[in-house]
N, C-alpha and C. Protein backbone atom coordinates (compact mmCIF):
# COMPACT_ATOMS: atom_id res chain seq x y z
N GLN A 1 0.85 -1.19 0.00
CA GLN A 1 0.00 0.00 0.00
C GLN A 1 0.88 1.24 0.00
N VAL A 2 0.51 2.21 -0.81
CA VAL A 2 1.20 3.49 -0.88
C VAL A 2 0.20 4.58 -0.57
N GLN A 3 0.58 5.49 0.30
CA GLN A 3 -0.25 6.65 0.61
C GLN A 3 0.35 7.87 -0.08
N LEU A 4 -0.49 8.62 -0.76
CA LEU A 4 -0.06 9.80 -1.50
C LEU A 4 -0.83 11.01 -1.01
N VAL A 5 -0.12 12.09 -0.73
CA VAL A 5 -0.75 13.30 -0.24
C VAL A 5 -0.25 14.49 -1.06
N GLU A 6 -1.18 15.13 -1.78
CA GLU A 6 -0.84 16.28 -2.59
C GLU A 6 -0.95 17.57 -1.77
N SER A 7 -0.18 18.56 -2.17
CA SER A 7 -0.27 19.88 -1.57
C SER A 7 0.18 20.92 -2.59
N GLY A 8 -0.12 22.17 -2.30
CA GLY A 8 0.36 23.26 -3.15
C GLY A 8 -0.68 23.89 -4.04
N GLY A 9 -1.92 23.40 -3.99
CA GLY A 9 -2.96 23.99 -4.82
C GLY A 9 -3.50 25.27 -4.20
N GLY A 10 -4.47 25.85 -4.86
CA GLY A 10 -5.10 27.06 -4.36
C GLY A 10 -5.56 27.95 -5.50
N LEU A 11 -5.83 29.19 -5.16
CA LEU A 11 -6.26 30.18 -6.15
C LEU A 11 -5.02 30.86 -6.73
N VAL A 12 -4.92 30.85 -8.04
CA VAL A 12 -3.74 31.38 -8.72
C VAL A 12 -4.21 32.32 -9.83
N GLN A 13 -3.49 33.40 -10.01
CA GLN A 13 -3.84 34.31 -11.10
C GLN A 13 -3.34 33.75 -12.44
N PRO A 14 -4.00 34.07 -13.52
CA PRO A 14 -3.49 33.67 -14.83
C PRO A 14 -2.04 34.11 -15.00
N GLY A 15 -1.23 33.20 -15.54
CA GLY A 15 0.19 33.47 -15.67
C GLY A 15 1.01 33.06 -14.47
N GLY A 16 0.34 32.62 -13.40
CA GLY A 16 1.04 32.25 -12.18
C GLY A 16 1.84 30.96 -12.33
N SER A 17 2.66 30.68 -11.30
CA SER A 17 3.59 29.54 -11.35
C SER A 17 3.64 28.78 -10.03
N PRO A 18 2.58 28.13 -9.65
CA PRO A 18 2.62 27.34 -8.42
C PRO A 18 3.34 26.02 -8.64
N ARG A 19 3.74 25.41 -7.56
CA ARG A 19 4.33 24.08 -7.60
C ARG A 19 3.53 23.14 -6.71
N LEU A 20 3.08 22.06 -7.29
CA LEU A 20 2.40 21.03 -6.53
C LEU A 20 3.42 20.00 -6.04
N SER A 21 3.16 19.46 -4.87
CA SER A 21 3.97 18.39 -4.32
C SER A 21 3.10 17.21 -3.99
N CYS A 22 3.69 16.04 -4.05
CA CYS A 22 2.99 14.81 -3.68
C CYS A 22 3.95 13.97 -2.87
N ALA A 23 3.65 13.82 -1.59
CA ALA A 23 4.49 13.05 -0.69
C ALA A 23 3.96 11.63 -0.59
N ALA A 24 4.85 10.67 -0.73
CA ALA A 24 4.48 9.26 -0.70
C ALA A 24 5.03 8.58 0.55
N SER A 25 4.28 7.63 1.04
CA SER A 25 4.74 6.85 2.17
C SER A 25 4.22 5.43 2.03
N GLY A 26 4.88 4.51 2.69
CA GLY A 26 4.37 3.16 2.79
C GLY A 26 5.17 2.10 2.07
N ARG A 27 5.79 2.43 0.95
CA ARG A 27 6.56 1.42 0.20
C ARG A 27 7.79 2.10 -0.39
N ILE A 28 8.55 1.34 -1.14
CA ILE A 28 9.77 1.87 -1.74
C ILE A 28 9.38 2.78 -2.89
N PHE A 29 9.59 4.07 -2.69
CA PHE A 29 9.13 5.07 -3.64
C PHE A 29 9.74 4.87 -5.02
N SER A 30 11.00 4.48 -5.07
CA SER A 30 11.68 4.35 -6.36
C SER A 30 11.18 3.15 -7.16
N ASN A 31 10.31 2.34 -6.62
CA ASN A 31 9.71 1.25 -7.38
C ASN A 31 8.51 1.71 -8.20
N TYR A 32 8.17 2.99 -8.07
CA TYR A 32 6.95 3.50 -8.69
C TYR A 32 7.25 4.60 -9.69
N ALA A 33 6.71 4.44 -10.90
CA ALA A 33 6.58 5.60 -11.77
C ALA A 33 5.46 6.45 -11.19
N MET A 34 5.56 7.74 -11.40
CA MET A 34 4.58 8.66 -10.83
C MET A 34 3.93 9.50 -11.93
N GLY A 35 2.68 9.77 -11.73
CA GLY A 35 1.96 10.58 -12.69
C GLY A 35 1.14 11.66 -12.02
N TRP A 36 0.88 12.70 -12.80
CA TRP A 36 -0.08 13.73 -12.39
C TRP A 36 -1.25 13.71 -13.37
N PHE A 37 -2.44 13.77 -12.84
CA PHE A 37 -3.67 13.84 -13.62
C PHE A 37 -4.49 15.00 -13.10
N ARG A 38 -5.47 15.38 -13.87
CA ARG A 38 -6.36 16.43 -13.39
C ARG A 38 -7.78 16.17 -13.87
N GLN A 39 -8.73 16.74 -13.13
CA GLN A 39 -10.13 16.57 -13.49
C GLN A 39 -10.85 17.88 -13.25
N ALA A 40 -11.41 18.43 -14.30
CA ALA A 40 -12.21 19.64 -14.21
C ALA A 40 -13.67 19.26 -14.04
N PRO A 41 -14.50 20.15 -13.50
CA PRO A 41 -15.92 19.84 -13.30
C PRO A 41 -16.58 19.42 -14.60
N GLY A 42 -17.29 18.29 -14.53
CA GLY A 42 -18.02 17.81 -15.69
C GLY A 42 -17.18 17.15 -16.75
N LYS A 43 -15.89 16.98 -16.48
CA LYS A 43 -15.00 16.37 -17.45
C LYS A 43 -14.36 15.11 -16.88
N GLU A 44 -13.83 14.28 -17.78
CA GLU A 44 -13.14 13.08 -17.33
C GLU A 44 -11.74 13.44 -16.82
N ARG A 45 -11.23 12.54 -16.01
CA ARG A 45 -9.86 12.72 -15.53
C ARG A 45 -8.90 12.60 -16.71
N GLU A 46 -7.95 13.53 -16.79
CA GLU A 46 -7.03 13.51 -17.91
C GLU A 46 -5.58 13.51 -17.44
N PHE A 47 -4.76 12.91 -18.27
CA PHE A 47 -3.33 12.82 -18.01
C PHE A 47 -2.68 14.19 -18.13
N VAL A 48 -1.73 14.46 -17.24
CA VAL A 48 -0.97 15.71 -17.30
C VAL A 48 0.51 15.41 -17.58
N ALA A 49 1.11 14.58 -16.73
CA ALA A 49 2.54 14.30 -16.87
C ALA A 49 2.88 13.03 -16.11
N ALA A 50 3.98 12.39 -16.51
CA ALA A 50 4.47 11.21 -15.81
C ALA A 50 5.99 11.23 -15.78
N ILE A 51 6.53 10.52 -14.81
CA ILE A 51 7.98 10.47 -14.66
C ILE A 51 8.37 9.05 -14.27
N SER A 52 9.48 8.58 -14.83
CA SER A 52 9.94 7.23 -14.58
C SER A 52 10.47 7.08 -13.16
N ARG A 53 10.77 5.86 -12.81
CA ARG A 53 11.19 5.56 -11.45
C ARG A 53 12.45 6.31 -11.04
N SER A 54 13.38 6.44 -11.97
CA SER A 54 14.63 7.13 -11.66
C SER A 54 14.54 8.64 -11.89
N GLY A 55 13.51 9.05 -12.59
CA GLY A 55 13.39 10.45 -12.97
C GLY A 55 14.02 10.77 -14.31
N GLY A 56 14.59 9.77 -14.95
CA GLY A 56 15.31 10.02 -16.20
C GLY A 56 14.43 10.23 -17.41
N ARG A 57 13.19 9.80 -17.32
CA ARG A 57 12.25 9.98 -18.44
C ARG A 57 11.00 10.67 -17.96
N THR A 58 10.51 11.56 -18.78
CA THR A 58 9.26 12.26 -18.50
C THR A 58 8.37 12.24 -19.73
N TYR A 59 7.11 12.53 -19.49
CA TYR A 59 6.09 12.40 -20.55
C TYR A 59 5.01 13.42 -20.21
N TYR A 60 4.60 14.22 -21.21
CA TYR A 60 3.64 15.28 -20.95
C TYR A 60 2.47 15.24 -21.91
N ALA A 61 1.34 15.69 -21.43
CA ALA A 61 0.22 15.95 -22.32
C ALA A 61 0.55 17.16 -23.18
N ASP A 62 0.06 17.16 -24.40
CA ASP A 62 0.34 18.27 -25.31
C ASP A 62 -0.13 19.61 -24.73
N SER A 63 -1.21 19.55 -23.97
CA SER A 63 -1.80 20.78 -23.45
C SER A 63 -0.91 21.49 -22.42
N VAL A 64 0.05 20.76 -21.85
CA VAL A 64 0.90 21.36 -20.81
C VAL A 64 2.37 21.37 -21.19
N LYS A 65 2.71 20.73 -22.30
CA LYS A 65 4.11 20.63 -22.71
C LYS A 65 4.70 22.02 -22.88
N GLY A 66 5.88 22.23 -22.30
CA GLY A 66 6.53 23.53 -22.35
C GLY A 66 6.12 24.47 -21.24
N ARG A 67 5.05 24.14 -20.51
CA ARG A 67 4.60 24.99 -19.39
C ARG A 67 4.77 24.30 -18.05
N PHE A 68 4.56 22.99 -18.01
CA PHE A 68 4.64 22.23 -16.77
C PHE A 68 5.90 21.37 -16.78
N THR A 69 6.44 21.14 -15.59
CA THR A 69 7.60 20.26 -15.44
C THR A 69 7.38 19.32 -14.27
N ILE A 70 7.49 18.03 -14.54
CA ILE A 70 7.39 17.03 -13.48
C ILE A 70 8.81 16.64 -13.06
N SER A 71 8.99 16.44 -11.76
CA SER A 71 10.28 16.02 -11.24
C SER A 71 10.03 15.20 -9.98
N ARG A 72 11.08 14.54 -9.52
CA ARG A 72 10.94 13.75 -8.29
C ARG A 72 12.24 13.78 -7.52
N ASP A 73 12.11 13.60 -6.22
CA ASP A 73 13.25 13.47 -5.33
C ASP A 73 13.04 12.18 -4.56
N ASN A 74 13.73 11.12 -4.98
CA ASN A 74 13.52 9.82 -4.34
C ASN A 74 14.04 9.80 -2.91
N SER A 75 14.95 10.69 -2.57
CA SER A 75 15.42 10.75 -1.18
C SER A 75 14.37 11.35 -0.26
N LYS A 76 13.42 12.08 -0.84
CA LYS A 76 12.35 12.69 -0.05
C LYS A 76 11.00 12.06 -0.32
N ASN A 77 10.98 11.01 -1.15
CA ASN A 77 9.72 10.32 -1.48
C ASN A 77 8.66 11.31 -1.98
N THR A 78 9.09 12.22 -2.84
CA THR A 78 8.19 13.28 -3.27
C THR A 78 8.30 13.49 -4.78
N VAL A 79 7.16 13.72 -5.39
CA VAL A 79 7.11 14.11 -6.80
C VAL A 79 6.50 15.51 -6.87
N TYR A 80 6.98 16.29 -7.83
CA TYR A 80 6.56 17.68 -7.96
C TYR A 80 5.96 17.94 -9.34
N LEU A 81 5.13 18.95 -9.40
CA LEU A 81 4.65 19.45 -10.69
C LEU A 81 4.79 20.96 -10.65
N GLN A 82 5.79 21.47 -11.35
CA GLN A 82 5.96 22.90 -11.49
C GLN A 82 5.09 23.37 -12.65
N MET A 83 4.20 24.27 -12.36
CA MET A 83 3.25 24.76 -13.36
C MET A 83 3.55 26.22 -13.64
N ASN A 84 3.78 26.56 -14.87
CA ASN A 84 4.07 27.93 -15.27
C ASN A 84 3.03 28.40 -16.28
N SER A 85 2.91 29.71 -16.40
CA SER A 85 2.02 30.32 -17.40
C SER A 85 0.62 29.73 -17.33
N LEU A 86 0.09 29.67 -16.13
CA LEU A 86 -1.21 29.05 -15.95
C LEU A 86 -2.31 29.80 -16.69
N LYS A 87 -3.29 29.02 -17.17
CA LYS A 87 -4.44 29.54 -17.89
C LYS A 87 -5.70 29.14 -17.15
N PRO A 88 -6.80 29.86 -17.36
CA PRO A 88 -8.06 29.46 -16.71
C PRO A 88 -8.44 28.01 -17.02
N GLU A 89 -8.11 27.52 -18.20
CA GLU A 89 -8.47 26.14 -18.54
C GLU A 89 -7.63 25.10 -17.81
N ASP A 90 -6.63 25.52 -17.06
CA ASP A 90 -5.88 24.61 -16.20
C ASP A 90 -6.58 24.37 -14.86
N THR A 91 -7.68 25.06 -14.63
CA THR A 91 -8.43 24.89 -13.40
C THR A 91 -8.96 23.47 -13.31
N ALA A 92 -8.65 22.79 -12.20
CA ALA A 92 -9.04 21.40 -12.02
C ALA A 92 -8.58 20.93 -10.64
N VAL A 93 -9.04 19.76 -10.27
CA VAL A 93 -8.44 19.05 -9.15
C VAL A 93 -7.29 18.23 -9.71
N TYR A 94 -6.13 18.40 -9.11
CA TYR A 94 -4.93 17.70 -9.57
C TYR A 94 -4.62 16.53 -8.64
N TYR A 95 -4.39 15.38 -9.25
CA TYR A 95 -4.13 14.16 -8.51
C TYR A 95 -2.75 13.62 -8.86
N CYS A 96 -2.04 13.12 -7.87
CA CYS A 96 -0.85 12.33 -8.19
C CYS A 96 -1.21 10.86 -8.06
N ALA A 97 -0.46 10.03 -8.78
CA ALA A 97 -0.74 8.61 -8.83
C ALA A 97 0.57 7.84 -8.97
N ALA A 98 0.54 6.59 -8.50
CA ALA A 98 1.73 5.74 -8.50
C ALA A 98 1.47 4.45 -9.25
N ASP A 99 2.43 4.09 -10.08
CA ASP A 99 2.37 2.89 -10.92
C ASP A 99 3.54 1.99 -10.54
N HIS A 100 3.23 0.83 -9.96
CA HIS A 100 4.27 -0.05 -9.42
C HIS A 100 5.00 -0.81 -10.51
N LEU A 101 6.32 -0.65 -10.55
CA LEU A 101 7.21 -1.37 -11.46
C LEU A 101 6.63 -1.44 -12.88
N PRO A 102 6.41 -0.30 -13.48
CA PRO A 102 5.78 -0.28 -14.79
C PRO A 102 6.71 -0.78 -15.89
N THR A 103 6.11 -1.32 -16.96
CA THR A 103 6.91 -1.71 -18.12
C THR A 103 7.05 -0.53 -19.07
N VAL A 104 6.06 0.35 -19.07
CA VAL A 104 6.12 1.56 -19.88
C VAL A 104 5.63 2.73 -19.04
N LEU A 105 6.00 3.91 -19.45
CA LEU A 105 5.52 5.11 -18.79
C LEU A 105 4.16 5.44 -19.39
N SER A 106 3.12 5.39 -18.57
CA SER A 106 1.76 5.40 -19.11
C SER A 106 1.04 6.72 -18.86
N ARG A 107 0.11 7.02 -19.77
CA ARG A 107 -0.80 8.14 -19.61
C ARG A 107 -2.20 7.66 -19.26
N ARG A 108 -2.37 6.36 -19.09
CA ARG A 108 -3.69 5.79 -18.82
C ARG A 108 -3.94 5.70 -17.32
N PRO A 109 -4.99 6.32 -16.82
CA PRO A 109 -5.27 6.26 -15.37
C PRO A 109 -5.36 4.84 -14.83
N GLY A 110 -5.87 3.92 -15.63
CA GLY A 110 -6.04 2.55 -15.17
C GLY A 110 -4.75 1.83 -14.86
N GLU A 111 -3.62 2.35 -15.34
CA GLU A 111 -2.32 1.73 -15.09
C GLU A 111 -1.77 2.08 -13.70
N TYR A 112 -2.35 3.06 -13.06
CA TYR A 112 -1.85 3.56 -11.77
C TYR A 112 -2.66 2.95 -10.63
N GLU A 113 -1.96 2.32 -9.71
CA GLU A 113 -2.63 1.57 -8.65
C GLU A 113 -3.04 2.45 -7.46
N TYR A 114 -2.31 3.51 -7.22
CA TYR A 114 -2.55 4.32 -6.02
C TYR A 114 -2.73 5.77 -6.41
N TRP A 115 -3.64 6.42 -5.68
CA TRP A 115 -4.01 7.79 -5.98
C TRP A 115 -4.06 8.62 -4.70
N GLY A 116 -3.69 9.89 -4.83
CA GLY A 116 -3.90 10.82 -3.74
C GLY A 116 -5.32 11.33 -3.72
N GLN A 117 -5.61 12.20 -2.76
CA GLN A 117 -6.97 12.72 -2.60
C GLN A 117 -7.24 13.92 -3.50
N GLY A 118 -6.19 14.47 -4.07
CA GLY A 118 -6.34 15.60 -4.99
C GLY A 118 -6.16 16.94 -4.31
N THR A 119 -5.73 17.92 -5.09
CA THR A 119 -5.62 19.29 -4.61
C THR A 119 -6.19 20.21 -5.68
N GLN A 120 -7.02 21.14 -5.26
CA GLN A 120 -7.70 22.03 -6.20
C GLN A 120 -6.77 23.14 -6.64
N VAL A 121 -6.73 23.36 -7.95
CA VAL A 121 -6.04 24.52 -8.51
C VAL A 121 -7.06 25.32 -9.29
N THR A 122 -7.25 26.55 -8.90
CA THR A 122 -8.19 27.44 -9.57
C THR A 122 -7.42 28.62 -10.15
N VAL A 123 -7.53 28.80 -11.45
CA VAL A 123 -6.83 29.89 -12.12
C VAL A 123 -7.85 30.96 -12.47
N SER A 124 -7.75 32.07 -11.79
CA SER A 124 -8.73 33.13 -11.97
C SER A 124 -8.15 34.45 -11.48
N SER A 125 -8.57 35.54 -12.14
CA SER A 125 -8.15 36.86 -11.69
C SER A 125 -9.21 37.48 -10.78
């Protein structure tokens, strides 16, 4: 079992640059690829970014490529999502997720076994 706790959300002005964090506990963090997903009201959960177990590979949705950066610190059991140039359409609940010993770095929510409770990010002036 892995417990994931997100933090860092809130109300942000357009163009803002918050950083989300996701702290993991319970198992060997480096055994898990990590992903960030988001869900806006009335919409399905969508992939945002993923990072391999070592942090050497990353994968982004086209909608955030060049604006968001995913990273991890395995010594702190934490994955981050640096968000830059935020837009109102980035408003959503952001979730981190863990994929145990993956064969590929996935954008599919069903591949991730563990999920955090989510943190709300609202982009508005």
